């Protein structure tokens, strides 16, 4: 399954919408996504499972790239 992660790069700063970044990760659960990202200093805002039409839409984006962690 593919998950889209919304995050801020610095865990010590207040989240600002304009600074929110995204990445895509392949994992079997949201818990596994969090485990894979635990070594990074990210402030994770939201993790969304992508499937069906939503996944197809994201795959059509030029910014779509699944992280290898």
N, C-alpha and C. Protein backbone atom coordinates (compact mmCIF):
# COMPACT_ATOMS: atom_id res chain seq x y z
N UNK A 1 0.84 -1.17 0.00
CA UNK A 1 0.00 0.00 0.00
C UNK A 1 0.89 1.24 0.00
N UNK A 2 0.39 2.29 -0.60
CA UNK A 2 1.11 3.55 -0.68
C UNK A 2 0.45 4.55 0.27
N UNK A 3 1.29 5.21 1.06
CA UNK A 3 0.82 6.24 1.99
C UNK A 3 1.43 7.58 1.62
N UNK A 4 0.64 8.64 1.77
CA UNK A 4 1.11 10.00 1.56
C UNK A 4 1.28 10.62 2.94
N UNK A 5 2.48 11.13 3.20
CA UNK A 5 2.80 11.70 4.50
C UNK A 5 2.95 13.21 4.36
N UNK A 6 2.20 13.96 5.16
CA UNK A 6 2.31 15.41 5.23
C UNK A 6 3.16 15.72 6.46
N UNK A 7 4.21 16.52 6.27
CA UNK A 7 5.11 16.76 7.39
C UNK A 7 5.77 18.13 7.31
N UNK A 8 6.33 18.55 8.45
CA UNK A 8 7.17 19.73 8.55
C UNK A 8 8.59 19.20 8.76
N UNK A 9 9.58 19.86 8.22
CA UNK A 9 10.95 19.36 8.32
C UNK A 9 11.57 19.53 9.70
N UNK A 10 11.07 20.46 10.51
CA UNK A 10 11.66 20.68 11.82
C UNK A 10 10.62 20.42 12.90
N UNK A 11 10.88 19.46 13.74
CA UNK A 11 9.94 19.07 14.78
C UNK A 11 9.81 20.14 15.87
N UNK A 12 10.76 21.06 15.96
CA UNK A 12 10.77 22.07 17.01
C UNK A 12 10.08 23.37 16.61
N UNK A 13 9.60 23.47 15.39
CA UNK A 13 8.92 24.68 14.94
C UNK A 13 7.42 24.44 14.87
N UNK A 14 6.68 25.52 15.01
CA UNK A 14 5.24 25.46 14.90
C UNK A 14 4.87 25.17 13.45
N UNK A 15 3.97 24.21 13.19
CA UNK A 15 3.58 23.90 11.81
C UNK A 15 2.93 25.09 11.11
N UNK A 16 3.37 25.35 9.90
CA UNK A 16 2.82 26.40 9.06
C UNK A 16 2.43 25.75 7.74
N UNK A 17 1.20 25.94 7.33
CA UNK A 17 0.69 25.27 6.14
C UNK A 17 1.58 25.45 4.91
N UNK A 18 2.11 26.64 4.74
CA UNK A 18 2.95 26.92 3.57
C UNK A 18 4.26 26.13 3.59
N UNK A 19 4.67 25.64 4.74
CA UNK A 19 5.91 24.87 4.85
C UNK A 19 5.68 23.36 4.85
N UNK A 20 4.44 22.95 4.73
CA UNK A 20 4.13 21.52 4.73
C UNK A 20 4.66 20.87 3.47
N UNK A 21 5.34 19.75 3.65
CA UNK A 21 5.87 18.98 2.52
C UNK A 21 5.21 17.61 2.53
N UNK A 22 5.35 16.90 1.42
CA UNK A 22 4.76 15.56 1.33
C UNK A 22 5.79 14.57 0.80
N UNK A 23 5.57 13.32 1.17
CA UNK A 23 6.34 12.24 0.59
C UNK A 23 5.46 11.00 0.54
N UNK A 24 5.83 10.09 -0.32
CA UNK A 24 5.07 8.87 -0.52
C UNK A 24 5.91 7.69 -0.07
N UNK A 25 5.29 6.78 0.70
CA UNK A 25 6.00 5.63 1.24
C UNK A 25 5.16 4.38 1.03
N UNK A 26 5.84 3.31 0.65
CA UNK A 26 5.16 2.02 0.55
C UNK A 26 5.32 1.29 1.88
N UNK A 27 4.19 0.88 2.46
CA UNK A 27 4.21 0.19 3.75
C UNK A 27 2.91 -0.59 3.90
N UNK A 28 2.88 -1.49 4.88
CA UNK A 28 1.67 -2.31 5.09
C UNK A 28 0.69 -1.66 6.05
N UNK A 29 1.14 -0.64 6.82
CA UNK A 29 0.24 0.03 7.77
C UNK A 29 0.79 1.42 8.10
N UNK A 30 -0.08 2.23 8.70
CA UNK A 30 0.35 3.56 9.14
C UNK A 30 1.42 3.44 10.22
N UNK A 31 1.30 2.44 11.05
CA UNK A 31 2.30 2.21 12.10
C UNK A 31 3.69 1.94 11.49
N UNK A 32 3.72 1.17 10.40
CA UNK A 32 4.99 0.89 9.73
C UNK A 32 5.58 2.17 9.12
N UNK A 33 4.74 3.04 8.60
CA UNK A 33 5.20 4.32 8.05
C UNK A 33 5.88 5.12 9.15
N UNK A 34 5.23 5.23 10.30
CA UNK A 34 5.81 5.97 11.43
C UNK A 34 7.12 5.35 11.88
N UNK A 35 7.19 4.02 11.87
CA UNK A 35 8.41 3.33 12.27
C UNK A 35 9.55 3.64 11.29
N UNK A 36 9.23 3.67 10.00
CA UNK A 36 10.25 3.95 8.98
C UNK A 36 10.78 5.38 9.08
N UNK A 37 9.95 6.30 9.56
CA UNK A 37 10.33 7.71 9.61
C UNK A 37 10.83 8.16 10.99
N UNK A 38 10.91 7.25 11.94
CA UNK A 38 11.25 7.64 13.31
C UNK A 38 12.64 8.26 13.44
N UNK A 39 13.57 7.95 12.55
CA UNK A 39 14.93 8.49 12.63
C UNK A 39 15.06 9.86 11.97
N UNK A 40 14.02 10.31 11.33
CA UNK A 40 14.07 11.62 10.67
C UNK A 40 13.44 12.66 11.59
N UNK A 41 13.96 13.88 11.58
CA UNK A 41 13.44 14.92 12.49
C UNK A 41 12.18 15.60 11.94
N UNK A 42 11.22 14.82 11.52
CA UNK A 42 10.00 15.35 10.92
C UNK A 42 8.90 15.50 11.96
N UNK A 43 8.10 16.54 11.78
CA UNK A 43 6.88 16.71 12.54
C UNK A 43 5.76 16.22 11.62
N UNK A 44 5.34 14.99 11.79
CA UNK A 44 4.33 14.39 10.92
C UNK A 44 2.96 14.95 11.28
N UNK A 45 2.31 15.56 10.29
CA UNK A 45 1.00 16.14 10.51
C UNK A 45 -0.11 15.14 10.23
N UNK A 46 0.03 14.39 9.13
CA UNK A 46 -1.05 13.51 8.72
C UNK A 46 -0.50 12.44 7.79
N UNK A 47 -1.04 11.23 7.90
CA UNK A 47 -0.67 10.13 7.00
C UNK A 47 -1.96 9.63 6.36
N UNK A 48 -1.95 9.59 5.04
CA UNK A 48 -3.15 9.21 4.29
C UNK A 48 -2.87 8.00 3.40
N UNK A 49 -3.73 7.00 3.48
CA UNK A 49 -3.64 5.84 2.61
C UNK A 49 -4.16 6.22 1.23
N UNK A 50 -3.38 5.94 0.20
CA UNK A 50 -3.80 6.22 -1.18
C UNK A 50 -4.25 4.93 -1.84
N UNK A 51 -5.44 4.95 -2.39
CA UNK A 51 -5.93 3.78 -3.13
C UNK A 51 -6.98 4.22 -4.14
N UNK A 52 -7.20 3.39 -5.12
CA UNK A 52 -8.21 3.68 -6.13
C UNK A 52 -7.93 4.92 -6.93
N UNK A 53 -8.98 5.73 -7.14
CA UNK A 53 -8.86 6.94 -7.95
C UNK A 53 -7.90 7.95 -7.34
N UNK A 54 -7.86 8.00 -6.02
CA UNK A 54 -6.96 8.94 -5.35
C UNK A 54 -5.50 8.60 -5.66
N UNK A 55 -5.16 7.31 -5.64
CA UNK A 55 -3.80 6.88 -5.97
C UNK A 55 -3.47 7.20 -7.43
N UNK A 56 -4.40 6.92 -8.33
CA UNK A 56 -4.19 7.21 -9.75
C UNK A 56 -3.94 8.71 -9.97
N UNK A 57 -4.70 9.54 -9.27
CA UNK A 57 -4.53 10.99 -9.38
C UNK A 57 -3.13 11.41 -8.92
N UNK A 58 -2.70 10.90 -7.78
CA UNK A 58 -1.38 11.24 -7.26
C UNK A 58 -0.27 10.74 -8.18
N UNK A 59 -0.43 9.55 -8.77
CA UNK A 59 0.58 9.00 -9.67
C UNK A 59 0.74 9.83 -10.93
N UNK A 60 -0.29 10.56 -11.32
CA UNK A 60 -0.22 11.41 -12.51
C UNK A 60 0.54 12.71 -12.24
N UNK A 61 0.78 13.03 -10.97
CA UNK A 61 1.49 14.25 -10.60
C UNK A 61 2.99 14.12 -10.90
N UNK A 62 3.61 15.19 -11.37
CA UNK A 62 5.06 15.14 -11.63
C UNK A 62 5.88 15.01 -10.34
N UNK A 63 5.28 15.31 -9.18
CA UNK A 63 5.97 15.23 -7.90
C UNK A 63 5.86 13.84 -7.25
N UNK A 64 5.18 12.92 -7.90
CA UNK A 64 4.97 11.59 -7.31
C UNK A 64 6.26 10.77 -7.43
N UNK A 65 6.80 10.40 -6.27
CA UNK A 65 7.98 9.54 -6.21
C UNK A 65 7.93 8.80 -4.87
N UNK A 66 7.90 7.48 -4.92
CA UNK A 66 7.82 6.69 -3.71
C UNK A 66 9.22 6.60 -3.10
N UNK A 67 9.32 6.97 -1.81
CA UNK A 67 10.59 6.91 -1.07
C UNK A 67 10.98 5.46 -0.80
N UNK A 68 12.24 5.18 -0.91
CA UNK A 68 12.79 3.86 -0.57
C UNK A 68 13.45 3.96 0.80
N UNK A 69 12.78 3.45 1.81
CA UNK A 69 13.30 3.54 3.17
C UNK A 69 13.50 2.13 3.71
